[in-house]
């Protein structure tokens, strides 16, 4: 709701560029991967 403390943010993430979009927009579909990894256990 409020901005981060800029000084603290810099101390924690350095010069990395923070994301501003909805975080899930950057996540590729994951179900196929989980299906594959779980195949031997799936009942």
ModelCIF file with pLDDT and N, C-alpha, C, O atoms, coordinates in Angstrom:
data_MODEL
#
_entry.id   MODEL 
#
_entity.id                         1 
_entity.type                       polymer 
_entity.pdbx_number_of_molecules   1 
#
_entity_poly.entity_id                      1 
_entity_poly.type                           'polypeptide(L)' 
_entity_poly.nstd_linkage                   no 
_entity_poly.nstd_monomer                   no 
_entity_poly.pdbx_seq_one_letter_code       
;(UNK)(UNK)(UNK)(UNK)(UNK)(UNK)(UNK)(UNK)(UNK)(UNK)(UNK)(UNK)(UNK)(UNK)(UNK)(UNK)
(UNK)(UNK)(UNK)(UNK)(UNK)(UNK)(UNK)(UNK)(UNK)(UNK)(UNK)(UNK)(UNK)(UNK)(UNK)(UNK)
(UNK)(UNK)(UNK)(UNK)(UNK)(UNK)(UNK)(UNK)(UNK)(UNK)(UNK)
;
_entity_poly.pdbx_seq_one_letter_code_can   XXXXXXXXXXXXXXXXXXXXXXXXXXXXXXXXXXXXXXXXXXX 
_entity_poly.pdbx_strand_id                 A 
#
loop_
_entity_poly_seq.entity_id 
_entity_poly_seq.num 
_entity_poly_seq.mon_id 
_entity_poly_seq.hetero 
1 1  UNK n 
1 2  UNK n 
1 3  UNK n 
1 4  UNK n 
1 5  UNK n 
1 6  UNK n 
1 7  UNK n 
1 8  UNK n 
1 9  UNK n 
1 10 UNK n 
1 11 UNK n 
1 12 UNK n 
1 13 UNK n 
1 14 UNK n 
1 15 UNK n 
1 16 UNK n 
1 17 UNK n 
1 18 UNK n 
1 19 UNK n 
1 20 UNK n 
1 21 UNK n 
1 22 UNK n 
1 23 UNK n 
1 24 UNK n 
1 25 UNK n 
1 26 UNK n 
1 27 UNK n 
1 28 UNK n 
1 29 UNK n 
1 30 UNK n 
1 31 UNK n 
1 32 UNK n 
1 33 UNK n 
1 34 UNK n 
1 35 UNK n 
1 36 UNK n 
1 37 UNK n 
1 38 UNK n 
1 39 UNK n 
1 40 UNK n 
1 41 UNK n 
1 42 UNK n 
1 43 UNK n 
#
_struct_asym.id          A 
_struct_asym.entity_id   1 
#
loop_
_ma_qa_metric.id 
_ma_qa_metric.mode 
_ma_qa_metric.name 
_ma_qa_metric.software_group_id 
_ma_qa_metric.type 
1 global pLDDT . pLDDT 
2 local  pLDDT . pLDDT 
#
_ma_qa_metric_global.metric_id      1 
_ma_qa_metric_global.metric_value   96.56 
_ma_qa_metric_global.model_id       1 
_ma_qa_metric_global.ordinal_id     1 
#
loop_
_ma_qa_metric_local.label_asym_id 
_ma_qa_metric_local.label_comp_id 
_ma_qa_metric_local.label_seq_id 
_ma_qa_metric_local.metric_id 
_ma_qa_metric_local.metric_value 
_ma_qa_metric_local.model_id 
_ma_qa_metric_local.ordinal_id 
A UNK 1  2 94.00 1 1  
A UNK 2  2 95.00 1 2  
A UNK 3  2 96.00 1 3  
A UNK 4  2 97.00 1 4  
A UNK 5  2 97.00 1 5  
A UNK 6  2 96.00 1 6  
A UNK 7  2 97.00 1 7  
A UNK 8  2 97.00 1 8  
A UNK 9  2 97.00 1 9  
A UNK 10 2 96.00 1 10 
A UNK 11 2 96.00 1 11 
A UNK 12 2 97.00 1 12 
A UNK 13 2 97.00 1 13 
A UNK 14 2 96.00 1 14 
A UNK 15 2 95.00 1 15 
A UNK 16 2 96.00 1 16 
A UNK 17 2 96.00 1 17 
A UNK 18 2 96.00 1 18 
A UNK 19 2 95.00 1 19 
A UNK 20 2 95.00 1 20 
A UNK 21 2 96.00 1 21 
A UNK 22 2 97.00 1 22 
A UNK 23 2 96.00 1 23 
A UNK 24 2 96.00 1 24 
A UNK 25 2 97.00 1 25 
A UNK 26 2 96.00 1 26 
A UNK 27 2 97.00 1 27 
A UNK 28 2 97.00 1 28 
A UNK 29 2 98.00 1 29 
A UNK 30 2 98.00 1 30 
A UNK 31 2 98.00 1 31 
A UNK 32 2 98.00 1 32 
A UNK 33 2 98.00 1 33 
A UNK 34 2 98.00 1 34 
A UNK 35 2 98.00 1 35 
A UNK 36 2 97.00 1 36 
A UNK 37 2 97.00 1 37 
A UNK 38 2 96.00 1 38 
A UNK 39 2 97.00 1 39 
A UNK 40 2 96.00 1 40 
A UNK 41 2 96.00 1 41 
A UNK 42 2 97.00 1 42 
A UNK 43 2 97.00 1 43 
#
loop_
_atom_site.group_PDB 
_atom_site.id 
_atom_site.type_symbol 
_atom_site.label_atom_id 
_atom_site.label_alt_id 
_atom_site.label_comp_id 
_atom_site.label_asym_id 
_atom_site.label_entity_id 
_atom_site.label_seq_id 
_atom_site.pdbx_PDB_ins_code 
_atom_site.Cartn_x 
_atom_site.Cartn_y 
_atom_site.Cartn_z 
_atom_site.occupancy 
_atom_site.B_iso_or_equiv 
_atom_site.pdbx_formal_charge 
_atom_site.auth_seq_id 
_atom_site.auth_comp_id 
_atom_site.auth_asym_id 
_atom_site.auth_atom_id 
_atom_site.pdbx_PDB_model_num 
ATOM 1   N N  . UNK A 1 1  ? 0.832  -1.206  0.000   1.00 94.00 ? 1  UNK A N  1 
ATOM 2   C CA . UNK A 1 1  ? 0.000  0.000   0.000   1.00 94.00 ? 1  UNK A CA 1 
ATOM 3   C C  . UNK A 1 1  ? 0.870  1.260   0.000   1.00 94.00 ? 1  UNK A C  1 
ATOM 4   O O  . UNK A 1 1  ? 0.558  2.248   -0.666  1.00 94.00 ? 1  UNK A O  1 
ATOM 5   N N  . UNK A 1 2  ? 1.967  1.203   0.762   1.00 95.00 ? 2  UNK A N  1 
ATOM 6   C CA . UNK A 1 2  ? 2.895  2.338   0.788   1.00 95.00 ? 2  UNK A CA 1 
ATOM 7   C C  . UNK A 1 2  ? 4.201  1.927   0.125   1.00 95.00 ? 2  UNK A C  1 
ATOM 8   O O  . UNK A 1 2  ? 4.490  0.734   0.040   1.00 95.00 ? 2  UNK A O  1 
ATOM 9   N N  . UNK A 1 3  ? 5.008  2.892   -0.352  1.00 96.00 ? 3  UNK A N  1 
ATOM 10  C CA . UNK A 1 3  ? 6.280  2.506   -0.977  1.00 96.00 ? 3  UNK A CA 1 
ATOM 11  C C  . UNK A 1 3  ? 7.263  1.950   0.049   1.00 96.00 ? 3  UNK A C  1 
ATOM 12  O O  . UNK A 1 3  ? 7.168  2.239   1.241   1.00 96.00 ? 3  UNK A O  1 
ATOM 13  N N  . UNK A 1 4  ? 8.215  1.140   -0.442  1.00 97.00 ? 4  UNK A N  1 
ATOM 14  C CA . UNK A 1 4  ? 9.278  0.623   0.429   1.00 97.00 ? 4  UNK A CA 1 
ATOM 15  C C  . UNK A 1 4  ? 10.192 1.778   0.850   1.00 97.00 ? 4  UNK A C  1 
ATOM 16  O O  . UNK A 1 4  ? 10.242 2.817   0.191   1.00 97.00 ? 4  UNK A O  1 
ATOM 17  N N  . UNK A 1 5  ? 10.908 1.580   1.950   1.00 97.00 ? 5  UNK A N  1 
ATOM 18  C CA . UNK A 1 5  ? 11.973 2.506   2.338   1.00 97.00 ? 5  UNK A CA 1 
ATOM 19  C C  . UNK A 1 5  ? 13.090 2.327   1.306   1.00 97.00 ? 5  UNK A C  1 
ATOM 20  O O  . UNK A 1 5  ? 13.728 1.275   1.253   1.00 97.00 ? 5  UNK A O  1 
ATOM 21  N N  . UNK A 1 6  ? 13.325 3.365   0.481   1.00 96.00 ? 6  UNK A N  1 
ATOM 22  C CA . UNK A 1 6  ? 14.255 3.254   -0.658  1.00 96.00 ? 6  UNK A CA 1 
ATOM 23  C C  . UNK A 1 6  ? 15.663 2.849   -0.219  1.00 96.00 ? 6  UNK A C  1 
ATOM 24  O O  . UNK A 1 6  ? 16.331 2.069   -0.898  1.00 96.00 ? 6  UNK A O  1 
ATOM 25  N N  . UNK A 1 7  ? 16.101 3.377   0.902   1.00 97.00 ? 7  UNK A N  1 
ATOM 26  C CA . UNK A 1 7  ? 17.454 3.079   1.417   1.00 97.00 ? 7  UNK A CA 1 
ATOM 27  C C  . UNK A 1 7  ? 17.570 1.598   1.773   1.00 97.00 ? 7  UNK A C  1 
ATOM 28  O O  . UNK A 1 7  ? 18.550 0.934   1.435   1.00 97.00 ? 7  UNK A O  1 
ATOM 29  N N  . UNK A 1 8  ? 16.543 1.097   2.466   1.00 97.00 ? 8  UNK A N  1 
ATOM 30  C CA . UNK A 1 8  ? 16.536 -0.321  2.873   1.00 97.00 ? 8  UNK A CA 1 
ATOM 31  C C  . UNK A 1 8  ? 16.429 -1.216  1.638   1.00 97.00 ? 8  UNK A C  1 
ATOM 32  O O  . UNK A 1 8  ? 17.101 -2.242  1.543   1.00 97.00 ? 8  UNK A O  1 
ATOM 33  N N  . UNK A 1 9  ? 15.577 -0.815  0.697   1.00 97.00 ? 9  UNK A N  1 
ATOM 34  C CA . UNK A 1 9  ? 15.413 -1.604  -0.531  1.00 97.00 ? 9  UNK A CA 1 
ATOM 35  C C  . UNK A 1 9  ? 16.748 -1.743  -1.263  1.00 97.00 ? 9  UNK A C  1 
ATOM 36  O O  . UNK A 1 9  ? 17.089 -2.823  -1.745  1.00 97.00 ? 9  UNK A O  1 
ATOM 37  N N  . UNK A 1 10 ? 17.504 -0.640  -1.343  1.00 96.00 ? 10 UNK A N  1 
ATOM 38  C CA . UNK A 1 10 ? 18.803 -0.669  -2.038  1.00 96.00 ? 10 UNK A CA 1 
ATOM 39  C C  . UNK A 1 10 ? 19.773 -1.581  -1.301  1.00 96.00 ? 10 UNK A C  1 
ATOM 40  O O  . UNK A 1 10 ? 20.531 -2.329  -1.919  1.00 96.00 ? 10 UNK A O  1 
ATOM 41  N N  . UNK A 1 11 ? 19.742 -1.511  0.030   1.00 96.00 ? 11 UNK A N  1 
ATOM 42  C CA . UNK A 1 11 ? 20.634 -2.353  0.836   1.00 96.00 ? 11 UNK A CA 1 
ATOM 43  C C  . UNK A 1 11 ? 20.333 -3.837  0.611   1.00 96.00 ? 11 UNK A C  1 
ATOM 44  O O  . UNK A 1 11 ? 21.237 -4.672  0.610   1.00 96.00 ? 11 UNK A O  1 
ATOM 45  N N  . UNK A 1 12 ? 19.043 -4.151  0.419   1.00 97.00 ? 12 UNK A N  1 
ATOM 46  C CA . UNK A 1 12 ? 18.626 -5.554  0.286   1.00 97.00 ? 12 UNK A CA 1 
ATOM 47  C C  . UNK A 1 12 ? 18.789 -6.089  -1.136  1.00 97.00 ? 12 UNK A C  1 
ATOM 48  O O  . UNK A 1 12 ? 19.264 -7.209  -1.320  1.00 97.00 ? 12 UNK A O  1 
ATOM 49  N N  . UNK A 1 13 ? 18.398 -5.297  -2.152  1.00 97.00 ? 13 UNK A N  1 
ATOM 50  C CA . UNK A 1 13 ? 18.435 -5.852  -3.529  1.00 97.00 ? 13 UNK A CA 1 
ATOM 51  C C  . UNK A 1 13 ? 19.489 -5.193  -4.429  1.00 97.00 ? 13 UNK A C  1 
ATOM 52  O O  . UNK A 1 13 ? 19.625 -5.557  -5.597  1.00 97.00 ? 13 UNK A O  1 
ATOM 53  N N  . UNK A 1 14 ? 20.241 -4.214  -3.876  1.00 96.00 ? 14 UNK A N  1 
ATOM 54  C CA . UNK A 1 14 ? 21.294 -3.568  -4.660  1.00 96.00 ? 14 UNK A CA 1 
ATOM 55  C C  . UNK A 1 14 ? 20.728 -2.833  -5.860  1.00 96.00 ? 14 UNK A C  1 
ATOM 56  O O  . UNK A 1 14 ? 19.777 -2.062  -5.737  1.00 96.00 ? 14 UNK A O  1 
ATOM 57  N N  . UNK A 1 15 ? 21.324 -3.077  -7.029  1.00 95.00 ? 15 UNK A N  1 
ATOM 58  C CA . UNK A 1 15 ? 20.910 -2.359  -8.239  1.00 95.00 ? 15 UNK A CA 1 
ATOM 59  C C  . UNK A 1 15 ? 19.890 -3.135  -9.079  1.00 95.00 ? 15 UNK A C  1 
ATOM 60  O O  . UNK A 1 15 ? 19.564 -2.728  -10.195 1.00 95.00 ? 15 UNK A O  1 
ATOM 61  N N  . UNK A 1 16 ? 19.388 -4.251  -8.542  1.00 96.00 ? 16 UNK A N  1 
ATOM 62  C CA . UNK A 1 16 ? 18.399 -5.044  -9.299  1.00 96.00 ? 16 UNK A CA 1 
ATOM 63  C C  . UNK A 1 16 ? 17.140 -4.204  -9.539  1.00 96.00 ? 16 UNK A C  1 
ATOM 64  O O  . UNK A 1 16 ? 16.767 -3.374  -8.710  1.00 96.00 ? 16 UNK A O  1 
ATOM 65  N N  . UNK A 1 17 ? 16.498 -4.432  -10.676 1.00 96.00 ? 17 UNK A N  1 
ATOM 66  C CA . UNK A 1 17 ? 15.272 -3.678  -11.002 1.00 96.00 ? 17 UNK A CA 1 
ATOM 67  C C  . UNK A 1 17 ? 14.051 -4.441  -10.498 1.00 96.00 ? 17 UNK A C  1 
ATOM 68  O O  . UNK A 1 17 ? 13.794 -5.556  -10.954 1.00 96.00 ? 17 UNK A O  1 
ATOM 69  N N  . UNK A 1 18 ? 13.287 -3.857  -9.558  1.00 96.00 ? 18 UNK A N  1 
ATOM 70  C CA . UNK A 1 18 ? 12.102 -4.556  -9.043  1.00 96.00 ? 18 UNK A CA 1 
ATOM 71  C C  . UNK A 1 18 ? 11.027 -4.682  -10.118 1.00 96.00 ? 18 UNK A C  1 
ATOM 72  O O  . UNK A 1 18 ? 10.960 -3.868  -11.039 1.00 96.00 ? 18 UNK A O  1 
ATOM 73  N N  . UNK A 1 19 ? 10.194 -5.701  -9.995  1.00 95.00 ? 19 UNK A N  1 
ATOM 74  C CA . UNK A 1 19 ? 9.098  -5.874  -10.955 1.00 95.00 ? 19 UNK A CA 1 
ATOM 75  C C  . UNK A 1 19 ? 7.902  -5.031  -10.499 1.00 95.00 ? 19 UNK A C  1 
ATOM 76  O O  . UNK A 1 19 ? 7.695  -4.823  -9.303  1.00 95.00 ? 19 UNK A O  1 
ATOM 77  N N  . UNK A 1 20 ? 7.132  -4.559  -11.457 1.00 95.00 ? 20 UNK A N  1 
ATOM 78  C CA . UNK A 1 20 ? 5.969  -3.742  -11.097 1.00 95.00 ? 20 UNK A CA 1 
ATOM 79  C C  . UNK A 1 20 ? 4.664  -4.355  -11.618 1.00 95.00 ? 20 UNK A C  1 
ATOM 80  O O  . UNK A 1 20 ? 3.574  -3.889  -11.285 1.00 95.00 ? 20 UNK A O  1 
ATOM 81  N N  . UNK A 1 21 ? 4.790  -5.414  -12.445 1.00 96.00 ? 21 UNK A N  1 
ATOM 82  C CA . UNK A 1 21 ? 3.574  -6.051  -12.983 1.00 96.00 ? 21 UNK A CA 1 
ATOM 83  C C  . UNK A 1 21 ? 3.005  -7.023  -11.951 1.00 96.00 ? 21 UNK A C  1 
ATOM 84  O O  . UNK A 1 21 ? 3.591  -7.224  -10.887 1.00 96.00 ? 21 UNK A O  1 
ATOM 85  N N  . UNK A 1 22 ? 1.865  -7.621  -12.273 1.00 97.00 ? 22 UNK A N  1 
ATOM 86  C CA . UNK A 1 22 ? 1.317  -8.698  -11.428 1.00 97.00 ? 22 UNK A CA 1 
ATOM 87  C C  . UNK A 1 22 ? 2.349  -9.831  -11.460 1.00 97.00 ? 22 UNK A C  1 
ATOM 88  O O  . UNK A 1 22 ? 2.688  -10.307 -12.543 1.00 97.00 ? 22 UNK A O  1 
ATOM 89  N N  . UNK A 1 23 ? 2.857  -10.277 -10.304 1.00 96.00 ? 23 UNK A N  1 
ATOM 90  C CA . UNK A 1 23 ? 3.950  -11.252 -10.298 1.00 96.00 ? 23 UNK A CA 1 
ATOM 91  C C  . UNK A 1 23 ? 3.680  -12.509 -11.141 1.00 96.00 ? 23 UNK A C  1 
ATOM 92  O O  . UNK A 1 23 ? 4.593  -13.029 -11.783 1.00 96.00 ? 23 UNK A O  1 
ATOM 93  N N  . UNK A 1 24 ? 2.445  -12.991 -11.141 1.00 96.00 ? 24 UNK A N  1 
ATOM 94  C CA . UNK A 1 24 ? 2.136  -14.235 -11.870 1.00 96.00 ? 24 UNK A CA 1 
ATOM 95  C C  . UNK A 1 24 ? 2.246  -14.074 -13.383 1.00 96.00 ? 24 UNK A C  1 
ATOM 96  O O  . UNK A 1 24 ? 2.330  -15.067 -14.106 1.00 96.00 ? 24 UNK A O  1 
ATOM 97  N N  . UNK A 1 25 ? 2.246  -12.830 -13.868 1.00 97.00 ? 25 UNK A N  1 
ATOM 98  C CA . UNK A 1 25 ? 2.415  -12.605 -15.314 1.00 97.00 ? 25 UNK A CA 1 
ATOM 99  C C  . UNK A 1 25 ? 3.773  -13.103 -15.799 1.00 97.00 ? 25 UNK A C  1 
ATOM 100 O O  . UNK A 1 25 ? 3.962  -13.365 -16.987 1.00 97.00 ? 25 UNK A O  1 
ATOM 101 N N  . UNK A 1 26 ? 4.710  -13.228 -14.873 1.00 96.00 ? 26 UNK A N  1 
ATOM 102 C CA . UNK A 1 26 ? 6.071  -13.653 -15.242 1.00 96.00 ? 26 UNK A CA 1 
ATOM 103 C C  . UNK A 1 26 ? 6.270  -15.163 -15.076 1.00 96.00 ? 26 UNK A C  1 
ATOM 104 O O  . UNK A 1 26 ? 7.356  -15.683 -15.331 1.00 96.00 ? 26 UNK A O  1 
ATOM 105 N N  . UNK A 1 27 ? 5.209  -15.862 -14.644 1.00 97.00 ? 27 UNK A N  1 
ATOM 106 C CA . UNK A 1 27 ? 5.355  -17.314 -14.411 1.00 97.00 ? 27 UNK A CA 1 
ATOM 107 C C  . UNK A 1 27 ? 4.731  -18.090 -15.568 1.00 97.00 ? 27 UNK A C  1 
ATOM 108 O O  . UNK A 1 27 ? 3.548  -17.939 -15.871 1.00 97.00 ? 27 UNK A O  1 
ATOM 109 N N  . UNK A 1 28 ? 5.543  -18.913 -16.200 1.00 97.00 ? 28 UNK A N  1 
ATOM 110 C CA . UNK A 1 28 ? 5.073  -19.771 -17.302 1.00 97.00 ? 28 UNK A CA 1 
ATOM 111 C C  . UNK A 1 28 ? 4.122  -20.830 -16.743 1.00 97.00 ? 28 UNK A C  1 
ATOM 112 O O  . UNK A 1 28 ? 4.192  -21.135 -15.552 1.00 97.00 ? 28 UNK A O  1 
ATOM 113 N N  . UNK A 1 29 ? 3.223  -21.407 -17.578 1.00 98.00 ? 29 UNK A N  1 
ATOM 114 C CA . UNK A 1 29 ? 2.365  -22.503 -17.088 1.00 98.00 ? 29 UNK A CA 1 
ATOM 115 C C  . UNK A 1 29 ? 3.203  -23.605 -16.442 1.00 98.00 ? 29 UNK A C  1 
ATOM 116 O O  . UNK A 1 29 ? 4.254  -23.984 -16.959 1.00 98.00 ? 29 UNK A O  1 
ATOM 117 N N  . UNK A 1 30 ? 2.720  -24.115 -15.298 1.00 98.00 ? 30 UNK A N  1 
ATOM 118 C CA . UNK A 1 30 ? 3.519  -25.083 -14.527 1.00 98.00 ? 30 UNK A CA 1 
ATOM 119 C C  . UNK A 1 30 ? 2.915  -26.483 -14.463 1.00 98.00 ? 30 UNK A C  1 
ATOM 120 O O  . UNK A 1 30 ? 3.611  -27.439 -14.119 1.00 98.00 ? 30 UNK A O  1 
ATOM 121 N N  . UNK A 1 31 ? 1.621  -26.616 -14.792 1.00 98.00 ? 31 UNK A N  1 
ATOM 122 C CA . UNK A 1 31 ? 0.964  -27.922 -14.615 1.00 98.00 ? 31 UNK A CA 1 
ATOM 123 C C  . UNK A 1 31 ? 1.650  -29.070 -15.360 1.00 98.00 ? 31 UNK A C  1 
ATOM 124 O O  . UNK A 1 31 ? 1.842  -30.136 -14.775 1.00 98.00 ? 31 UNK A O  1 
ATOM 125 N N  . UNK A 1 32 ? 2.032  -28.888 -16.649 1.00 98.00 ? 32 UNK A N  1 
ATOM 126 C CA . UNK A 1 32 ? 2.669  -30.001 -17.362 1.00 98.00 ? 32 UNK A CA 1 
ATOM 127 C C  . UNK A 1 32 ? 3.922  -30.520 -16.648 1.00 98.00 ? 32 UNK A C  1 
ATOM 128 O O  . UNK A 1 32 ? 4.171  -31.725 -16.601 1.00 98.00 ? 32 UNK A O  1 
ATOM 129 N N  . UNK A 1 33 ? 4.700  -29.592 -16.099 1.00 98.00 ? 33 UNK A N  1 
ATOM 130 C CA . UNK A 1 33 ? 5.927  -29.975 -15.385 1.00 98.00 ? 33 UNK A CA 1 
ATOM 131 C C  . UNK A 1 33 ? 5.578  -30.792 -14.135 1.00 98.00 ? 33 UNK A C  1 
ATOM 132 O O  . UNK A 1 33 ? 6.199  -31.821 -13.870 1.00 98.00 ? 33 UNK A O  1 
ATOM 133 N N  . UNK A 1 34 ? 4.573  -30.326 -13.364 1.00 98.00 ? 34 UNK A N  1 
ATOM 134 C CA . UNK A 1 34 ? 4.178  -31.044 -12.150 1.00 98.00 ? 34 UNK A CA 1 
ATOM 135 C C  . UNK A 1 34 ? 3.588  -32.418 -12.491 1.00 98.00 ? 34 UNK A C  1 
ATOM 136 O O  . UNK A 1 34 ? 3.843  -33.398 -11.791 1.00 98.00 ? 34 UNK A O  1 
ATOM 137 N N  . UNK A 1 35 ? 2.811  -32.483 -13.554 1.00 98.00 ? 35 UNK A N  1 
ATOM 138 C CA . UNK A 1 35 ? 2.227  -33.764 -14.012 1.00 98.00 ? 35 UNK A CA 1 
ATOM 139 C C  . UNK A 1 35 ? 3.342  -34.779 -14.276 1.00 98.00 ? 35 UNK A C  1 
ATOM 140 O O  . UNK A 1 35 ? 3.261  -35.937 -13.868 1.00 98.00 ? 35 UNK A O  1 
ATOM 141 N N  . UNK A 1 36 ? 4.364  -34.319 -14.957 1.00 97.00 ? 36 UNK A N  1 
ATOM 142 C CA . UNK A 1 36 ? 5.480  -35.188 -15.336 1.00 97.00 ? 36 UNK A CA 1 
ATOM 143 C C  . UNK A 1 36 ? 6.236  -35.674 -14.092 1.00 97.00 ? 36 UNK A C  1 
ATOM 144 O O  . UNK A 1 36 ? 6.534  -36.861 -13.958 1.00 97.00 ? 36 UNK A O  1 
ATOM 145 N N  . UNK A 1 37 ? 6.539  -34.740 -13.191 1.00 97.00 ? 37 UNK A N  1 
ATOM 146 C CA . UNK A 1 37 ? 7.322  -35.074 -11.990 1.00 97.00 ? 37 UNK A CA 1 
ATOM 147 C C  . UNK A 1 37 ? 6.552  -35.995 -11.047 1.00 97.00 ? 37 UNK A C  1 
ATOM 148 O O  . UNK A 1 37 ? 7.143  -36.777 -10.302 1.00 97.00 ? 37 UNK A O  1 
ATOM 149 N N  . UNK A 1 38 ? 5.220  -35.889 -11.091 1.00 96.00 ? 38 UNK A N  1 
ATOM 150 C CA . UNK A 1 38 ? 4.385  -36.626 -10.132 1.00 96.00 ? 38 UNK A CA 1 
ATOM 151 C C  . UNK A 1 38 ? 3.866  -37.950 -10.708 1.00 96.00 ? 38 UNK A C  1 
ATOM 152 O O  . UNK A 1 38 ? 3.236  -38.733 -9.996  1.00 96.00 ? 38 UNK A O  1 
ATOM 153 N N  . UNK A 1 39 ? 4.129  -38.197 -11.991 1.00 97.00 ? 39 UNK A N  1 
ATOM 154 C CA . UNK A 1 39 ? 3.526  -39.339 -12.708 1.00 97.00 ? 39 UNK A CA 1 
ATOM 155 C C  . UNK A 1 39 ? 3.625  -40.664 -11.966 1.00 97.00 ? 39 UNK A C  1 
ATOM 156 O O  . UNK A 1 39 ? 2.641  -41.402 -11.906 1.00 97.00 ? 39 UNK A O  1 
ATOM 157 N N  . UNK A 1 40 ? 4.782  -40.986 -11.400 1.00 96.00 ? 40 UNK A N  1 
ATOM 158 C CA . UNK A 1 40 ? 4.958  -42.302 -10.769 1.00 96.00 ? 40 UNK A CA 1 
ATOM 159 C C  . UNK A 1 40 ? 4.135  -42.486 -9.493  1.00 96.00 ? 40 UNK A C  1 
ATOM 160 O O  . UNK A 1 40 ? 3.878  -43.614 -9.070  1.00 96.00 ? 40 UNK A O  1 
ATOM 161 N N  . UNK A 1 41 ? 3.723  -41.365 -8.881  1.00 96.00 ? 41 UNK A N  1 
ATOM 162 C CA . UNK A 1 41 ? 2.970  -41.455 -7.621  1.00 96.00 ? 41 UNK A CA 1 
ATOM 163 C C  . UNK A 1 41 ? 1.473  -41.278 -7.815  1.00 96.00 ? 41 UNK A C  1 
ATOM 164 O O  . UNK A 1 41 ? 0.693  -41.579 -6.912  1.00 96.00 ? 41 UNK A O  1 
ATOM 165 N N  . UNK A 1 42 ? 1.069  -40.800 -8.963  1.00 97.00 ? 42 UNK A N  1 
ATOM 166 C CA . UNK A 1 42 ? -0.311 -40.337 -9.153  1.00 97.00 ? 42 UNK A CA 1 
ATOM 167 C C  . UNK A 1 42 ? -1.343 -41.464 -9.098  1.00 97.00 ? 42 UNK A C  1 
ATOM 168 O O  . UNK A 1 42 ? -1.286 -42.417 -9.874  1.00 97.00 ? 42 UNK A O  1 
ATOM 169 N N  . UNK A 1 43 ? -2.288 -41.332 -8.162  1.00 97.00 ? 43 UNK A N  1 
ATOM 170 C CA . UNK A 1 43 ? -3.407 -42.278 -8.072  1.00 97.00 ? 43 UNK A CA 1 
ATOM 171 C C  . UNK A 1 43 ? -4.735 -41.582 -8.372  1.00 97.00 ? 43 UNK A C  1 
ATOM 172 O O  . UNK A 1 43 ? -5.787 -42.221 -8.343  1.00 97.00 ? 43 UNK A O  1 
#
